[in-house]
Amino acid sequence: MTFANPTDEERRALLQQVKTIAVVGLSPKPGRPSHTVARAMQGFGFRIVPVRPAVDSVLGEKAYASLAEVPHKIDLVDVFRAAEHIPAVVDECLALHLPAIWIQEGIVHEAAAEKARAAGMTVVMDRCLYKDYIALFL
């Protein structure tokens, strides 16, 4: 992989600015990694916005079918979708001029990540938001 993630200091600075995290692919099932990570981040004080079609709410927050439907500011998009879906998520982020995307651990799509970075987004890929938050702040 030639893609290089932001440094620890850069990821720490990013997370210090983030208040609202849109979680694409957030499962309503408590045993799923997306649910575990989102619940933990919610516990650390972040507002979680579920982005998942056909779900009314997750973790007490109204869910939206797409990022475009979210009516308030999104500081970070956390993605729990298979690699083949990453280009479409990146395109939606770029169309909405969102500042940052975090592509979860185990998910890699270098071309989409580079496209997002080239367009000015902060991009973290193949890293767990929850694990990084613990390592950087606790």
C-alpha atoms as a PDB file:
ATOM      1  CA  MET A   1       0.000   0.000   0.000  1.00  0.00           C
ATOM      2  CA  THR A   2       1.449   3.354  -1.000  1.00  0.00           C
ATOM      3  CA  PHE A   3      -1.228   5.390   0.794  1.00  0.00           C
ATOM      4  CA  ALA A   4       0.095   6.996   3.984  1.00  0.00           C
ATOM      5  CA  ASN A   5      -2.236   7.889   6.819  1.00  0.00           C
ATOM      6  CA  PRO A   6      -1.935  11.144   8.739  1.00  0.00           C
ATOM      7  CA  THR A   7       0.533  11.029  11.619  1.00  0.00           C
ATOM      8  CA  ASP A   8      -0.541  10.477  15.223  1.00  0.00           C
ATOM      9  CA  GLU A   9      -0.352  14.228  15.785  1.00  0.00           C
ATOM     10  CA  GLU A  10      -2.463  14.941  12.696  1.00  0.00           C
ATOM     11  CA  ARG A  11      -5.095  12.366  13.701  1.00  0.00           C
ATOM     12  CA  ARG A  12      -5.165  13.785  17.230  1.00  0.00           C
ATOM     13  CA  ALA A  13      -5.675  17.310  15.852  1.00  0.00           C
ATOM     14  CA  LEU A  14      -8.454  16.040  13.582  1.00  0.00           C
ATOM     15  CA  LEU A  15     -10.310  14.347  16.417  1.00  0.00           C
ATOM     16  CA  GLN A  16      -9.952  17.417  18.646  1.00  0.00           C
ATOM     17  CA  GLN A  17     -11.910  19.393  16.015  1.00  0.00           C
ATOM     18  CA  VAL A  18     -14.619  16.775  15.438  1.00  0.00           C
ATOM     19  CA  LYS A  19     -17.982  17.039  17.182  1.00  0.00           C
ATOM     20  CA  THR A  20     -20.311  15.180  14.792  1.00  0.00           C
ATOM     21  CA  ILE A  21     -19.470  11.839  13.189  1.00  0.00           C
ATOM     22  CA  ALA A  22     -21.671  10.426  10.415  1.00  0.00           C
ATOM     23  CA  VAL A  23     -21.268   6.649  10.487  1.00  0.00           C
ATOM     24  CA  VAL A  24     -21.949   5.151   7.059  1.00  0.00           C
ATOM     25  CA  GLY A  25     -23.075   1.559   7.440  1.00  0.00           C
ATOM     26  CA  LEU A  26     -23.907   1.825  11.146  1.00  0.00           C
ATOM     27  CA  SER A  27     -25.634  -1.409  12.116  1.00  0.00           C
ATOM     28  CA  PRO A  28     -28.500  -1.428  14.609  1.00  0.00           C
ATOM     29  CA  LYS A  29     -27.178  -4.799  15.871  1.00  0.00           C
ATOM     30  CA  PRO A  30     -25.142  -4.382  19.102  1.00  0.00           C
ATOM     31  CA  GLY A  31     -22.691  -7.164  18.212  1.00  0.00           C
ATOM     32  CA  ARG A  32     -21.511  -5.547  14.975  1.00  0.00           C
ATOM     33  CA  PRO A  33     -18.205  -3.591  14.930  1.00  0.00           C
ATOM     34  CA  SER A  34     -19.888  -0.455  13.564  1.00  0.00           C
ATOM     35  CA  HIS A  35     -22.318  -0.412  16.487  1.00  0.00           C
ATOM     36  CA  THR A  36     -19.569  -1.041  19.055  1.00  0.00           C
ATOM     37  CA  VAL A  37     -17.327   1.719  17.686  1.00  0.00           C
ATOM     38  CA  ALA A  38     -20.175   4.236  17.307  1.00  0.00           C
ATOM     39  CA  ARG A  39     -21.490   3.539  20.815  1.00  0.00           C
ATOM     40  CA  ALA A  40     -17.999   4.006  22.262  1.00  0.00           C
ATOM     41  CA  MET A  41     -17.445   7.265  20.384  1.00  0.00           C
ATOM     42  CA  GLN A  42     -20.865   8.460  21.528  1.00  0.00           C
ATOM     43  CA  GLY A  43     -19.742   7.672  25.077  1.00  0.00           C
ATOM     44  CA  PHE A  44     -16.698   9.906  24.552  1.00  0.00           C
ATOM     45  CA  GLY A  45     -19.053  12.803  23.768  1.00  0.00           C
ATOM     46  CA  PHE A  46     -19.252  12.743  19.979  1.00  0.00           C
ATOM     47  CA  ARG A  47     -22.607  13.122  18.269  1.00  0.00           C
ATOM     48  CA  ILE A  48     -23.211  10.057  16.120  1.00  0.00           C
ATOM     49  CA  VAL A  49     -25.326  10.322  12.974  1.00  0.00           C
ATOM     50  CA  PRO A  50     -26.318   6.930  11.562  1.00  0.00           C
ATOM     51  CA  VAL A  51     -26.263   6.714   7.756  1.00  0.00           C
ATOM     52  CA  ARG A  52     -28.014   3.528   6.774  1.00  0.00           C
ATOM     53  CA  PRO A  53     -31.065   3.054   4.542  1.00  0.00           C
ATOM     54  CA  ALA A  54     -34.155   1.275   5.920  1.00  0.00           C
ATOM     55  CA  VAL A  55     -33.331   2.017   9.567  1.00  0.00           C
ATOM     56  CA  ASP A  56     -35.217   4.640  11.576  1.00  0.00           C
ATOM     57  CA  SER A  57     -32.682   5.154  14.341  1.00  0.00           C
ATOM     58  CA  VAL A  58     -29.559   3.690  15.925  1.00  0.00           C
ATOM     59  CA  LEU A  59     -28.130   4.516  19.356  1.00  0.00           C
ATOM     60  CA  GLY A  60     -30.999   6.936  19.968  1.00  0.00           C
ATOM     61  CA  GLU A  61     -30.165   9.052  16.911  1.00  0.00           C
ATOM     62  CA  LYS A  62     -32.309   9.483  13.791  1.00  0.00           C
ATOM     63  CA  ALA A  63     -30.847   7.556  10.856  1.00  0.00           C
ATOM     64  CA  TYR A  64     -30.548   8.900   7.313  1.00  0.00           C
ATOM     65  CA  ALA A  65     -30.460   6.980   4.035  1.00  0.00           C
ATOM     66  CA  SER A  66     -27.548   9.049   2.696  1.00  0.00           C
ATOM     67  CA  LEU A  67     -25.065  11.704   3.743  1.00  0.00           C
ATOM     68  CA  ALA A  68     -26.938  14.227   1.578  1.00  0.00           C
ATOM     69  CA  GLU A  69     -30.038  13.814   3.768  1.00  0.00           C
ATOM     70  CA  VAL A  70     -28.263  14.754   7.002  1.00  0.00           C
ATOM     71  CA  PRO A  71     -29.580  18.245   7.843  1.00  0.00           C
ATOM     72  CA  HIS A  72     -26.711  19.407  10.037  1.00  0.00           C
ATOM     73  CA  LYS A  73     -22.947  19.840   9.851  1.00  0.00           C
ATOM     74  CA  ILE A  74     -20.826  16.695   9.584  1.00  0.00           C
ATOM     75  CA  ASP A  75     -17.238  16.952  10.810  1.00  0.00           C
ATOM     76  CA  LEU A  76     -16.139  13.389  10.014  1.00  0.00           C
ATOM     77  CA  VAL A  77     -17.519  10.508   7.966  1.00  0.00           C
ATOM     78  CA  ASP A  78     -16.654   7.109   9.460  1.00  0.00           C
ATOM     79  CA  VAL A  79     -17.173   4.333   6.905  1.00  0.00           C
ATOM     80  CA  PHE A  80     -18.145   0.734   7.642  1.00  0.00           C
ATOM     81  CA  ARG A  81     -18.806  -0.433   4.087  1.00  0.00           C
ATOM     82  CA  ALA A  82     -16.992  -2.939   1.897  1.00  0.00           C
ATOM     83  CA  ALA A  83     -14.134  -1.592  -0.212  1.00  0.00           C
ATOM     84  CA  GLU A  84     -16.159  -1.654  -3.441  1.00  0.00           C
ATOM     85  CA  HIS A  85     -18.532   0.951  -1.933  1.00  0.00           C
ATOM     86  CA  ILE A  86     -15.800   3.404  -0.920  1.00  0.00           C
ATOM     87  CA  PRO A  87     -15.623   5.300  -4.264  1.00  0.00           C
ATOM     88  CA  ALA A  88     -19.342   6.138  -4.075  1.00  0.00           C
ATOM     89  CA  VAL A  89     -19.008   7.277  -0.450  1.00  0.00           C
ATOM     90  CA  VAL A  90     -16.013   9.442  -1.368  1.00  0.00           C
ATOM     91  CA  ASP A  91     -17.924  10.965  -4.291  1.00  0.00           C
ATOM     92  CA  GLU A  92     -20.831  11.827  -1.993  1.00  0.00           C
ATOM     93  CA  CYS A  93     -18.429  13.384   0.548  1.00  0.00           C
ATOM     94  CA  LEU A  94     -16.801  15.457  -2.183  1.00  0.00           C
ATOM     95  CA  ALA A  95     -20.163  16.616  -3.559  1.00  0.00           C
ATOM     96  CA  LEU A  96     -21.122  17.763  -0.045  1.00  0.00           C
ATOM     97  CA  HIS A  97     -17.701  19.371   0.607  1.00  0.00           C
ATOM     98  CA  LEU A  98     -17.184  17.328   3.776  1.00  0.00           C
ATOM     99  CA  PRO A  99     -13.807  17.844   5.455  1.00  0.00           C
ATOM    100  CA  ALA A 100     -12.729  14.366   6.550  1.00  0.00           C
ATOM    101  CA  ILE A 101     -13.306  10.660   6.003  1.00  0.00           C
ATOM    102  CA  TRP A 102     -12.192   7.747   8.172  1.00  0.00           C
ATOM    103  CA  ILE A 103     -12.279   4.391   6.399  1.00  0.00           C
ATOM    104  CA  GLN A 104     -12.358   1.699   9.051  1.00  0.00           C
ATOM    105  CA  GLU A 105      -9.777  -0.957   9.788  1.00  0.00           C
ATOM    106  CA  GLY A 106      -9.705  -3.715   7.194  1.00  0.00           C
ATOM    107  CA  ILE A 107     -11.183  -1.551   4.425  1.00  0.00           C
ATOM    108  CA  VAL A 108      -8.790  -0.361   1.723  1.00  0.00           C
ATOM    109  CA  HIS A 109      -9.460   1.471  -1.532  1.00  0.00           C
ATOM    110  CA  GLU A 110      -6.339   3.444  -2.400  1.00  0.00           C
ATOM    111  CA  ALA A 111      -7.697   5.141  -5.534  1.00  0.00           C
ATOM    112  CA  ALA A 112     -10.731   6.509  -3.690  1.00  0.00           C
ATOM    113  CA  ALA A 113      -8.596   7.589  -0.719  1.00  0.00           C
ATOM    114  CA  GLU A 114      -6.158   9.408  -3.001  1.00  0.00           C
ATOM    115  CA  LYS A 115      -9.051  11.066  -4.867  1.00  0.00           C
ATOM    116  CA  ALA A 116     -10.469  12.359  -1.581  1.00  0.00           C
ATOM    117  CA  ARG A 117      -7.069  13.586  -0.407  1.00  0.00           C
ATOM    118  CA  ALA A 118      -6.341  15.279  -3.750  1.00  0.00           C
ATOM    119  CA  ALA A 119      -9.654  17.130  -3.397  1.00  0.00           C
ATOM    120  CA  GLY A 120      -8.594  18.466   0.003  1.00  0.00           C
ATOM    121  CA  MET A 121     -10.205  16.015   2.407  1.00  0.00           C
ATOM    122  CA  THR A 122      -8.384  14.611   5.402  1.00  0.00           C
ATOM    123  CA  VAL A 123      -8.313  10.844   4.849  1.00  0.00           C
ATOM    124  CA  VAL A 124      -7.617   8.045   7.306  1.00  0.00           C
ATOM    125  CA  MET A 125      -7.831   4.500   5.935  1.00  0.00           C
ATOM    126  CA  ASP A 126      -7.555   0.983   7.323  1.00  0.00           C
ATOM    127  CA  ARG A 127      -7.515   2.190  10.930  1.00  0.00           C
ATOM    128  CA  CYS A 128     -10.089   1.832  13.711  1.00  0.00           C
ATOM    129  CA  LEU A 129     -11.446   5.155  14.948  1.00  0.00           C
ATOM    130  CA  TYR A 130     -12.118   3.742  18.423  1.00  0.00           C
ATOM    131  CA  LYS A 131      -8.688   2.143  18.811  1.00  0.00           C
ATOM    132  CA  ASP A 132      -6.979   5.329  17.611  1.00  0.00           C
ATOM    133  CA  TYR A 133      -9.048   7.494  19.946  1.00  0.00           C
ATOM    134  CA  ILE A 134      -8.018   5.342  22.914  1.00  0.00           C
ATOM    135  CA  ALA A 135      -4.354   5.351  21.850  1.00  0.00           C
ATOM    136  CA  LEU A 136      -4.279   9.095  21.227  1.00  0.00           C
ATOM    137  CA  PHE A 137      -6.345  10.401  24.172  1.00  0.00           C
ATOM    138  CA  LEU A 138      -6.619   7.862  26.974  1.00  0.00           C
END
